[in-house]
Amino acid sequence: MALLLALVVPIPASAAGPAVDDAKIEYYEPMANVAVTSLSSAASGKGLAVSVVFTNSSSRSQGVYYRVVWLDQTGNAISGRVPWSGIAINGNSAQSVSLTTADPAASSYRLQLSLGKNF
């Protein structure tokens, strides 16, 4: 069984992070005001850790739903259905989320994003 930990931290909107690999992101609908401005991963013990920074360019608060599908070396999902988590991002600000799995089979991931309209 995989262990999933999440840590949500507000950060300054001007903070720059690593480049974003759009191939690792799956959008369920267009997101006009929220962008992933940083996406990185690193080995964590026997598993994998992913850090995401969401930036809201609107003056209004915006909710986003996200989940990480952990992948093995062949690109197949290593766990069953992954639950969605939600985050509210204040207007004109950024917020980081860190996700970790302790599953040693995880070698990659796919970040799935939704505004909650397609559930």
N, C-alpha and C. Protein backbone atom coordinates (compact mmCIF):
# COMPACT_ATOMS: atom_id res chain seq x y z
N MET A 1 0.85 -1.18 0.00
CA MET A 1 0.00 0.00 0.00
C MET A 1 0.89 1.24 0.00
N ALA A 2 0.59 2.21 -0.85
CA ALA A 2 1.38 3.43 -0.95
C ALA A 2 0.91 4.44 0.09
N LEU A 3 1.85 5.15 0.63
CA LEU A 3 1.56 6.20 1.60
C LEU A 3 1.65 7.54 0.87
N LEU A 4 0.65 8.38 1.02
CA LEU A 4 0.64 9.68 0.37
C LEU A 4 0.58 10.75 1.43
N LEU A 5 1.53 11.65 1.40
CA LEU A 5 1.56 12.77 2.32
C LEU A 5 1.46 14.06 1.52
N ALA A 6 0.74 15.04 2.02
CA ALA A 6 0.62 16.32 1.33
C ALA A 6 0.88 17.44 2.31
N LEU A 7 1.63 18.43 1.86
CA LEU A 7 1.93 19.61 2.65
C LEU A 7 1.61 20.82 1.78
N VAL A 8 0.79 21.73 2.29
CA VAL A 8 0.39 22.92 1.54
C VAL A 8 0.98 24.14 2.24
N VAL A 9 1.70 24.97 1.48
CA VAL A 9 2.37 26.12 2.05
C VAL A 9 2.16 27.34 1.16
N PRO A 10 1.63 28.48 1.69
CA PRO A 10 1.53 29.69 0.89
C PRO A 10 2.94 30.24 0.64
N ILE A 11 3.17 30.76 -0.55
CA ILE A 11 4.47 31.34 -0.88
C ILE A 11 4.27 32.67 -1.59
N PRO A 12 5.28 33.53 -1.62
CA PRO A 12 5.14 34.79 -2.34
C PRO A 12 4.92 34.54 -3.82
N ALA A 13 4.04 35.30 -4.45
CA ALA A 13 3.73 35.11 -5.86
C ALA A 13 4.94 35.36 -6.74
N SER A 14 5.90 36.12 -6.29
CA SER A 14 7.06 36.45 -7.10
C SER A 14 8.15 35.39 -7.04
N ALA A 15 7.99 34.37 -6.19
CA ALA A 15 9.03 33.36 -6.04
C ALA A 15 9.11 32.49 -7.29
N ALA A 16 10.29 32.40 -7.87
CA ALA A 16 10.49 31.60 -9.07
C ALA A 16 10.94 30.21 -8.68
N GLY A 17 10.56 29.23 -9.47
CA GLY A 17 10.96 27.86 -9.18
C GLY A 17 11.46 27.18 -10.43
N PRO A 18 11.65 25.86 -10.36
CA PRO A 18 12.12 25.11 -11.51
C PRO A 18 11.13 25.19 -12.67
N ALA A 19 11.64 24.96 -13.86
CA ALA A 19 10.79 24.98 -15.06
C ALA A 19 9.72 23.89 -14.96
N VAL A 20 8.63 24.10 -15.65
CA VAL A 20 7.50 23.17 -15.60
C VAL A 20 7.53 22.25 -16.81
N ASP A 21 7.49 20.94 -16.57
CA ASP A 21 7.40 19.95 -17.64
C ASP A 21 5.92 19.68 -17.89
N ASP A 22 5.36 20.36 -18.90
CA ASP A 22 3.93 20.24 -19.19
C ASP A 22 3.50 18.83 -19.56
N ALA A 23 4.43 17.99 -19.97
CA ALA A 23 4.10 16.60 -20.31
C ALA A 23 3.65 15.82 -19.07
N LYS A 24 3.99 16.29 -17.90
CA LYS A 24 3.62 15.61 -16.66
C LYS A 24 2.29 16.10 -16.09
N ILE A 25 1.64 17.05 -16.77
CA ILE A 25 0.38 17.63 -16.27
C ILE A 25 -0.76 17.27 -17.20
N GLU A 26 -1.87 16.84 -16.60
CA GLU A 26 -3.08 16.54 -17.35
C GLU A 26 -4.19 17.45 -16.84
N TYR A 27 -4.66 18.35 -17.70
CA TYR A 27 -5.72 19.30 -17.34
C TYR A 27 -7.08 18.71 -17.74
N TYR A 28 -8.03 18.72 -16.82
CA TYR A 28 -9.37 18.22 -17.13
C TYR A 28 -10.23 19.28 -17.79
N GLU A 29 -9.88 20.55 -17.62
CA GLU A 29 -10.52 21.66 -18.33
C GLU A 29 -9.54 22.84 -18.31
N PRO A 30 -9.76 23.82 -19.19
CA PRO A 30 -8.86 24.98 -19.22
C PRO A 30 -8.89 25.74 -17.89
N MET A 31 -7.74 26.25 -17.50
CA MET A 31 -7.62 27.03 -16.27
C MET A 31 -7.08 28.40 -16.64
N ALA A 32 -7.98 29.36 -16.77
CA ALA A 32 -7.59 30.69 -17.24
C ALA A 32 -6.75 31.46 -16.23
N ASN A 33 -7.03 31.31 -14.95
CA ASN A 33 -6.37 32.15 -13.95
C ASN A 33 -5.37 31.43 -13.06
N VAL A 34 -5.33 30.11 -13.13
CA VAL A 34 -4.41 29.35 -12.29
C VAL A 34 -3.42 28.61 -13.17
N ALA A 35 -2.15 28.73 -12.82
CA ALA A 35 -1.10 28.05 -13.57
C ALA A 35 -0.17 27.30 -12.63
N VAL A 36 0.41 26.22 -13.13
CA VAL A 36 1.48 25.54 -12.41
C VAL A 36 2.76 26.27 -12.81
N THR A 37 3.35 26.98 -11.86
CA THR A 37 4.53 27.78 -12.17
C THR A 37 5.83 27.10 -11.75
N SER A 38 5.72 26.00 -11.03
CA SER A 38 6.89 25.20 -10.67
C SER A 38 6.44 23.77 -10.44
N LEU A 39 7.22 22.83 -10.96
CA LEU A 39 6.92 21.42 -10.79
C LEU A 39 8.25 20.68 -10.76
N SER A 40 8.50 19.99 -9.65
CA SER A 40 9.76 19.26 -9.54
C SER A 40 9.56 17.98 -8.75
N SER A 41 10.50 17.06 -8.91
CA SER A 41 10.44 15.80 -8.18
C SER A 41 11.84 15.39 -7.75
N ALA A 42 11.89 14.55 -6.72
CA ALA A 42 13.16 14.06 -6.21
C ALA A 42 12.91 12.73 -5.50
N ALA A 43 13.93 11.89 -5.50
CA ALA A 43 13.85 10.64 -4.75
C ALA A 43 13.73 10.99 -3.27
N SER A 44 12.88 10.25 -2.57
CA SER A 44 12.65 10.50 -1.15
C SER A 44 12.69 9.18 -0.41
N GLY A 45 13.84 8.86 0.17
CA GLY A 45 13.97 7.56 0.82
C GLY A 45 13.83 6.48 -0.22
N LYS A 46 12.81 5.63 -0.08
CA LYS A 46 12.57 4.58 -1.07
C LYS A 46 11.47 4.97 -2.05
N GLY A 47 10.95 6.18 -1.95
CA GLY A 47 9.85 6.62 -2.81
C GLY A 47 10.20 7.84 -3.63
N LEU A 48 9.20 8.65 -3.88
CA LEU A 48 9.34 9.82 -4.73
C LEU A 48 8.57 10.99 -4.12
N ALA A 49 9.11 12.19 -4.22
CA ALA A 49 8.44 13.39 -3.72
C ALA A 49 8.25 14.36 -4.89
N VAL A 50 7.09 14.99 -4.93
CA VAL A 50 6.76 15.97 -5.97
C VAL A 50 6.40 17.28 -5.29
N SER A 51 6.91 18.37 -5.83
CA SER A 51 6.59 19.70 -5.32
C SER A 51 5.96 20.51 -6.46
N VAL A 52 4.81 21.12 -6.17
CA VAL A 52 4.05 21.88 -7.17
C VAL A 52 3.80 23.28 -6.62
N VAL A 53 3.93 24.30 -7.45
CA VAL A 53 3.54 25.66 -7.08
C VAL A 53 2.42 26.09 -8.03
N PHE A 54 1.27 26.43 -7.44
CA PHE A 54 0.13 26.96 -8.18
C PHE A 54 0.14 28.48 -8.02
N THR A 55 -0.07 29.21 -9.10
CA THR A 55 -0.15 30.66 -9.04
C THR A 55 -1.48 31.13 -9.61
N ASN A 56 -2.18 31.96 -8.84
CA ASN A 56 -3.46 32.51 -9.24
C ASN A 56 -3.24 33.95 -9.70
N SER A 57 -3.52 34.22 -10.98
CA SER A 57 -3.31 35.56 -11.53
C SER A 57 -4.55 36.44 -11.41
N SER A 58 -5.63 35.90 -10.88
CA SER A 58 -6.87 36.65 -10.69
C SER A 58 -6.84 37.36 -9.34
N SER A 59 -7.66 38.38 -9.20
CA SER A 59 -7.77 39.06 -7.91
C SER A 59 -8.71 38.31 -6.96
N ARG A 60 -9.41 37.31 -7.49
CA ARG A 60 -10.35 36.53 -6.68
C ARG A 60 -9.74 35.18 -6.32
N SER A 61 -10.16 34.64 -5.21
CA SER A 61 -9.71 33.32 -4.78
C SER A 61 -10.19 32.27 -5.78
N GLN A 62 -9.39 31.25 -5.99
CA GLN A 62 -9.72 30.21 -6.97
C GLN A 62 -9.46 28.83 -6.36
N GLY A 63 -10.41 27.94 -6.50
CA GLY A 63 -10.23 26.57 -6.03
C GLY A 63 -9.74 25.68 -7.15
N VAL A 64 -8.84 24.75 -6.81
CA VAL A 64 -8.30 23.80 -7.77
C VAL A 64 -8.27 22.43 -7.10
N TYR A 65 -8.62 21.41 -7.86
CA TYR A 65 -8.50 20.03 -7.39
C TYR A 65 -7.31 19.39 -8.09
N TYR A 66 -6.57 18.58 -7.35
CA TYR A 66 -5.38 17.95 -7.91
C TYR A 66 -5.22 16.54 -7.35
N ARG A 67 -4.51 15.74 -8.09
CA ARG A 67 -4.08 14.43 -7.60
C ARG A 67 -2.85 14.01 -8.39
N VAL A 68 -2.05 13.15 -7.77
CA VAL A 68 -0.86 12.62 -8.42
C VAL A 68 -1.08 11.14 -8.66
N VAL A 69 -0.87 10.72 -9.89
CA VAL A 69 -0.88 9.31 -10.22
C VAL A 69 0.58 8.89 -10.29
N TRP A 70 0.98 7.99 -9.40
CA TRP A 70 2.37 7.52 -9.35
C TRP A 70 2.55 6.44 -10.40
N LEU A 71 3.67 6.53 -11.13
CA LEU A 71 3.93 5.62 -12.25
C LEU A 71 5.18 4.80 -12.00
N ASP A 72 5.19 3.56 -12.54
CA ASP A 72 6.38 2.72 -12.45
C ASP A 72 7.30 3.02 -13.64
N GLN A 73 8.37 2.25 -13.79
CA GLN A 73 9.35 2.51 -14.84
C GLN A 73 8.79 2.34 -16.24
N THR A 74 7.70 1.58 -16.39
CA THR A 74 7.10 1.39 -17.71
C THR A 74 6.00 2.40 -18.00
N GLY A 75 5.72 3.30 -17.04
CA GLY A 75 4.69 4.32 -17.24
C GLY A 75 3.30 3.92 -16.81
N ASN A 76 3.19 2.77 -16.16
CA ASN A 76 1.89 2.31 -15.68
C ASN A 76 1.63 2.80 -14.26
N ALA A 77 0.37 3.10 -13.97
CA ALA A 77 -0.02 3.53 -12.62
C ALA A 77 0.24 2.39 -11.65
N ILE A 78 0.82 2.72 -10.48
CA ILE A 78 1.16 1.68 -9.51
C ILE A 78 0.11 1.50 -8.42
N SER A 79 -0.90 2.33 -8.41
CA SER A 79 -1.96 2.16 -7.42
C SER A 79 -3.31 2.32 -8.10
N GLY A 80 -4.34 1.92 -7.41
CA GLY A 80 -5.68 2.04 -7.94
C GLY A 80 -6.13 3.48 -8.02
N ARG A 81 -7.39 3.69 -7.86
CA ARG A 81 -7.99 5.02 -7.94
C ARG A 81 -7.39 5.94 -6.89
N VAL A 82 -6.90 7.09 -7.33
CA VAL A 82 -6.29 8.07 -6.44
C VAL A 82 -7.32 9.16 -6.14
N PRO A 83 -7.56 9.49 -4.86
CA PRO A 83 -8.56 10.51 -4.54
C PRO A 83 -8.07 11.92 -4.90
N TRP A 84 -9.01 12.79 -5.19
CA TRP A 84 -8.71 14.19 -5.46
C TRP A 84 -8.53 14.94 -4.14
N SER A 85 -7.67 15.95 -4.15
CA SER A 85 -7.51 16.87 -3.03
C SER A 85 -7.81 18.27 -3.55
N GLY A 86 -8.30 19.13 -2.70
CA GLY A 86 -8.62 20.50 -3.11
C GLY A 86 -7.73 21.51 -2.43
N ILE A 87 -7.57 22.64 -3.09
CA ILE A 87 -6.79 23.74 -2.54
C ILE A 87 -7.45 25.04 -2.98
N ALA A 88 -7.50 26.00 -2.07
CA ALA A 88 -7.99 27.35 -2.40
C ALA A 88 -6.78 28.27 -2.47
N ILE A 89 -6.64 28.96 -3.58
CA ILE A 89 -5.50 29.86 -3.77
C ILE A 89 -6.03 31.28 -3.77
N ASN A 90 -5.57 32.09 -2.82
CA ASN A 90 -6.01 33.47 -2.74
C ASN A 90 -5.66 34.23 -4.01
N GLY A 91 -6.37 35.32 -4.26
CA GLY A 91 -6.13 36.13 -5.44
C GLY A 91 -4.72 36.68 -5.48
N ASN A 92 -4.15 36.72 -6.67
CA ASN A 92 -2.80 37.26 -6.91
C ASN A 92 -1.77 36.69 -5.95
N SER A 93 -1.81 35.38 -5.77
CA SER A 93 -0.84 34.74 -4.88
C SER A 93 -0.49 33.35 -5.41
N ALA A 94 0.45 32.73 -4.74
CA ALA A 94 0.89 31.38 -5.11
C ALA A 94 0.88 30.51 -3.87
N GLN A 95 0.76 29.22 -4.10
CA GLN A 95 0.75 28.27 -3.00
C GLN A 95 1.44 27.00 -3.47
N SER A 96 2.26 26.43 -2.58
CA SER A 96 2.96 25.19 -2.95
C SER A 96 2.31 23.99 -2.27
N VAL A 97 2.42 22.86 -2.94
CA VAL A 97 1.92 21.59 -2.44
C VAL A 97 3.04 20.58 -2.63
N SER A 98 3.32 19.81 -1.59
CA SER A 98 4.31 18.74 -1.67
C SER A 98 3.61 17.41 -1.45
N LEU A 99 3.88 16.46 -2.33
CA LEU A 99 3.26 15.14 -2.27
C LEU A 99 4.36 14.09 -2.28
N THR A 100 4.18 13.05 -1.46
CA THR A 100 5.21 12.03 -1.34
C THR A 100 4.57 10.64 -1.32
N THR A 101 5.21 9.71 -1.99
CA THR A 101 4.82 8.31 -1.88
C THR A 101 6.02 7.53 -1.35
N ALA A 102 5.74 6.54 -0.54
CA ALA A 102 6.80 5.69 -0.01
C ALA A 102 6.92 4.40 -0.82
N ASP A 103 6.17 4.31 -1.91
CA ASP A 103 6.20 3.11 -2.74
C ASP A 103 7.49 3.09 -3.55
N PRO A 104 8.36 2.09 -3.35
CA PRO A 104 9.63 2.06 -4.07
C PRO A 104 9.48 1.84 -5.58
N ALA A 105 8.30 1.39 -6.03
CA ALA A 105 8.08 1.18 -7.46
C ALA A 105 7.85 2.49 -8.20
N ALA A 106 7.56 3.57 -7.48
CA ALA A 106 7.29 4.86 -8.13
C ALA A 106 8.57 5.46 -8.69
N SER A 107 8.58 5.69 -9.99
CA SER A 107 9.75 6.31 -10.61
C SER A 107 9.38 7.58 -11.36
N SER A 108 8.08 7.79 -11.55
CA SER A 108 7.60 9.00 -12.23
C SER A 108 6.18 9.28 -11.74
N TYR A 109 5.55 10.27 -12.34
CA TYR A 109 4.21 10.68 -11.91
C TYR A 109 3.50 11.45 -13.01
N ARG A 110 2.21 11.62 -12.82
CA ARG A 110 1.39 12.48 -13.68
C ARG A 110 0.51 13.29 -12.74
N LEU A 111 0.56 14.61 -12.84
CA LEU A 111 -0.25 15.52 -12.04
C LEU A 111 -1.54 15.79 -12.80
N GLN A 112 -2.68 15.51 -12.18
CA GLN A 112 -3.98 15.76 -12.80
C GLN A 112 -4.64 16.94 -12.09
N LEU A 113 -5.18 17.87 -12.89
CA LEU A 113 -5.77 19.10 -12.36
C LEU A 113 -7.20 19.30 -12.87
N SER A 114 -8.05 19.84 -11.99
CA SER A 114 -9.43 20.12 -12.36
C SER A 114 -9.95 21.29 -11.55
N LEU A 115 -10.91 21.99 -12.10
CA LEU A 115 -11.61 23.03 -11.36
C LEU A 115 -12.83 22.45 -10.66
N GLY A 116 -13.02 21.14 -10.76
CA GLY A 116 -14.12 20.47 -10.09
C GLY A 116 -15.37 20.39 -10.92
N LYS A 117 -15.31 20.80 -12.19
CA LYS A 117 -16.50 20.81 -13.04
C LYS A 117 -16.79 19.45 -13.67
N ASN A 118 -15.80 18.58 -13.69
CA ASN A 118 -15.97 17.29 -14.38
C ASN A 118 -16.04 16.10 -13.44
N PHE A 119 -16.43 16.32 -12.20
CA PHE A 119 -16.54 15.21 -11.26
C PHE A 119 -17.91 14.59 -11.37
